[in-house]
Each structure stands twice: as C-alpha cells, then as structure tokens.
Amino acid sequence: MSIEVGAKFQISKDIKGYYNSARSLTITNLSGGTVQFTLAEGKGHGSMPLQHLQYLVKRTELTQVASKRQYLHDEQSEEEIS
C-alpha cells in the first residue's frame, strides 16, 4: 500500500470521535516522517507520524479508498490482459 498525497482514507466508527466525527481524511502533505491531512465535511485538519498512520491502516481503523485514477488504471490493465 502506498501512502501518497491525495490518498483518501475512510475512518472507522470506533475512532471517529478522535477526528471530529469526520467520515474520511485526505493526505495533503508528506514531509519526512510526518503526514498532514484534512478531514472531510470541512471538520478540520491535522498531522500525525507516518508510522502511526500505517499502524491505523494495519488495524483497519483507517481504510484506503481507491481513487478514480487507480480505478481507471486497474480497468486499463484488465483490458491489456484480455
């Protein structure tokens, strides 16, 4: 799993309270070992260590949402295989 600027993550119900009850967060900047993000519905922004983000993803507290770009890329790959 690659964490890059523009990646969107759905927040599980268990930890929504820590993120102003937002449904998702979007990565806005990666700098060294720190990730900056904005929360959906205009509920704020924040930052955390990259390691902590990876930990939350591993525990399924955050689930990466496939971007439209990735979806289109996957479709093109399927067409090339056929």
C-alpha atoms as a PDB file:
ATOM      1  CA  MET A   1       0.000   0.000   0.000  1.00  0.00           C
ATOM      2  CA  SER A   2       1.393   3.344  -0.980  1.00  0.00           C
ATOM      3  CA  ILE A   3       0.627   6.418   1.036  1.00  0.00           C
ATOM      4  CA  GLU A   4       0.838   9.467  -1.182  1.00  0.00           C
ATOM      5  CA  VAL A   5      -0.536  12.982  -1.382  1.00  0.00           C
ATOM      6  CA  GLY A   6      -4.203  12.831  -2.370  1.00  0.00           C
ATOM      7  CA  ALA A   7      -4.804   9.398  -0.820  1.00  0.00           C
ATOM      8  CA  LYS A   8      -8.174   9.195   0.918  1.00  0.00           C
ATOM      9  CA  PHE A   9      -8.928   7.048   3.961  1.00  0.00           C
ATOM     10  CA  GLN A  10     -12.280   6.123   5.462  1.00  0.00           C
ATOM     11  CA  ILE A  11     -12.342   6.428   9.272  1.00  0.00           C
ATOM     12  CA  SER A  12     -13.885   3.540  11.238  1.00  0.00           C
ATOM     13  CA  LYS A  13     -16.760   4.181  13.642  1.00  0.00           C
ATOM     14  CA  ASP A  14     -14.566   3.224  16.606  1.00  0.00           C
ATOM     15  CA  ILE A  15     -12.191   6.178  16.200  1.00  0.00           C
ATOM     16  CA  LYS A  16     -14.397   8.831  14.554  1.00  0.00           C
ATOM     17  CA  GLY A  17     -14.531  10.701  17.871  1.00  0.00           C
ATOM     18  CA  TYR A  18     -10.804  11.399  17.636  1.00  0.00           C
ATOM     19  CA  TYR A  19     -11.323  13.014  14.226  1.00  0.00           C
ATOM     20  CA  ASN A  20     -14.265  15.365  14.914  1.00  0.00           C
ATOM     21  CA  SER A  21     -16.680  12.647  13.732  1.00  0.00           C
ATOM     22  CA  ALA A  22     -15.457  13.024  10.133  1.00  0.00           C
ATOM     23  CA  ARG A  23     -16.116  10.153   7.729  1.00  0.00           C
ATOM     24  CA  SER A  24     -12.768  10.349   5.973  1.00  0.00           C
ATOM     25  CA  LEU A  25      -9.414  12.091   5.770  1.00  0.00           C
ATOM     26  CA  THR A  26      -7.274  13.034   2.788  1.00  0.00           C
ATOM     27  CA  ILE A  27      -3.474  13.262   2.802  1.00  0.00           C
ATOM     28  CA  THR A  28      -2.320  16.762   1.846  1.00  0.00           C
ATOM     29  CA  ASN A  29       1.427  16.600   2.535  1.00  0.00           C
ATOM     30  CA  LEU A  30       4.165  14.090   3.291  1.00  0.00           C
ATOM     31  CA  SER A  31       7.239  15.556   4.895  1.00  0.00           C
ATOM     32  CA  GLY A  32       9.867  13.250   6.324  1.00  0.00           C
ATOM     33  CA  GLY A  33       8.107  11.047   8.836  1.00  0.00           C
ATOM     34  CA  THR A  34       5.036  13.284   9.182  1.00  0.00           C
ATOM     35  CA  VAL A  35       1.712  13.141   7.328  1.00  0.00           C
ATOM     36  CA  GLN A  36      -0.610  16.139   7.114  1.00  0.00           C
ATOM     37  CA  PHE A  37      -4.288  15.622   6.345  1.00  0.00           C
ATOM     38  CA  THR A  38      -7.657  17.336   6.036  1.00  0.00           C
ATOM     39  CA  LEU A  39     -10.888  15.910   7.366  1.00  0.00           C
ATOM     40  CA  ALA A  40     -13.988  15.511   5.206  1.00  0.00           C
ATOM     41  CA  GLU A  41     -17.016  17.751   5.601  1.00  0.00           C
ATOM     42  CA  GLY A  42     -14.707  20.665   6.494  1.00  0.00           C
ATOM     43  CA  LYS A  43     -14.215  19.298  10.004  1.00  0.00           C
ATOM     44  CA  GLY A  44     -10.603  20.364  10.295  1.00  0.00           C
ATOM     45  CA  HIS A  45      -7.058  19.244   9.611  1.00  0.00           C
ATOM     46  CA  GLY A  46      -4.140  17.713  11.432  1.00  0.00           C
ATOM     47  CA  SER A  47      -0.936  15.747  11.257  1.00  0.00           C
ATOM     48  CA  MET A  48       0.499  12.521  12.623  1.00  0.00           C
ATOM     49  CA  PRO A  49       3.651  10.451  12.304  1.00  0.00           C
ATOM     50  CA  LEU A  50       3.685   8.278   9.178  1.00  0.00           C
ATOM     51  CA  GLN A  51       4.275   5.222  11.373  1.00  0.00           C
ATOM     52  CA  HIS A  52       1.058   5.901  13.281  1.00  0.00           C
ATOM     53  CA  LEU A  53      -0.944   6.207  10.046  1.00  0.00           C
ATOM     54  CA  GLN A  54       0.460   2.852   8.893  1.00  0.00           C
ATOM     55  CA  TYR A  55      -0.467   1.355  12.274  1.00  0.00           C
ATOM     56  CA  LEU A  56      -4.070   2.600  11.964  1.00  0.00           C
ATOM     57  CA  VAL A  57      -4.317   1.148   8.451  1.00  0.00           C
ATOM     58  CA  LYS A  58      -2.922  -2.180   9.646  1.00  0.00           C
ATOM     59  CA  ARG A  59      -5.539  -2.324  12.424  1.00  0.00           C
ATOM     60  CA  THR A  60      -8.269  -1.380   9.906  1.00  0.00           C
ATOM     61  CA  GLU A  61      -9.097   1.785  11.856  1.00  0.00           C
ATOM     62  CA  LEU A  62      -8.447   3.564   8.534  1.00  0.00           C
ATOM     63  CA  THR A  63      -9.303   2.007   5.180  1.00  0.00           C
ATOM     64  CA  GLN A  64      -7.853   3.421   1.975  1.00  0.00           C
ATOM     65  CA  VAL A  65     -10.464   4.428  -0.565  1.00  0.00           C
ATOM     66  CA  ALA A  66      -9.486   3.701  -4.160  1.00  0.00           C
ATOM     67  CA  SER A  67      -9.050   6.885  -6.145  1.00  0.00           C
ATOM     68  CA  LYS A  68     -10.658   7.370  -9.540  1.00  0.00           C
ATOM     69  CA  ARG A  69      -7.184   7.414 -11.065  1.00  0.00           C
ATOM     70  CA  GLN A  70      -6.366   3.997  -9.558  1.00  0.00           C
ATOM     71  CA  TYR A  71      -9.740   2.618 -10.671  1.00  0.00           C
ATOM     72  CA  LEU A  72      -9.141   3.733 -14.265  1.00  0.00           C
ATOM     73  CA  HIS A  73      -5.600   2.333 -14.188  1.00  0.00           C
ATOM     74  CA  ASP A  74      -6.913  -1.045 -12.978  1.00  0.00           C
ATOM     75  CA  GLU A  75      -9.509  -1.114 -15.775  1.00  0.00           C
ATOM     76  CA  GLN A  76      -6.855  -0.407 -18.406  1.00  0.00           C
ATOM     77  CA  SER A  77      -4.666  -3.189 -17.007  1.00  0.00           C
ATOM     78  CA  GLU A  78      -7.553  -5.656 -17.289  1.00  0.00           C
ATOM     79  CA  GLU A  79      -8.127  -4.668 -20.924  1.00  0.00           C
ATOM     80  CA  GLU A  80      -4.460  -5.240 -21.721  1.00  0.00           C
ATOM     81  CA  ILE A  81      -4.575  -8.721 -20.161  1.00  0.00           C
ATOM     82  CA  SER A  82      -7.669  -9.791 -22.142  1.00  0.00           C
END
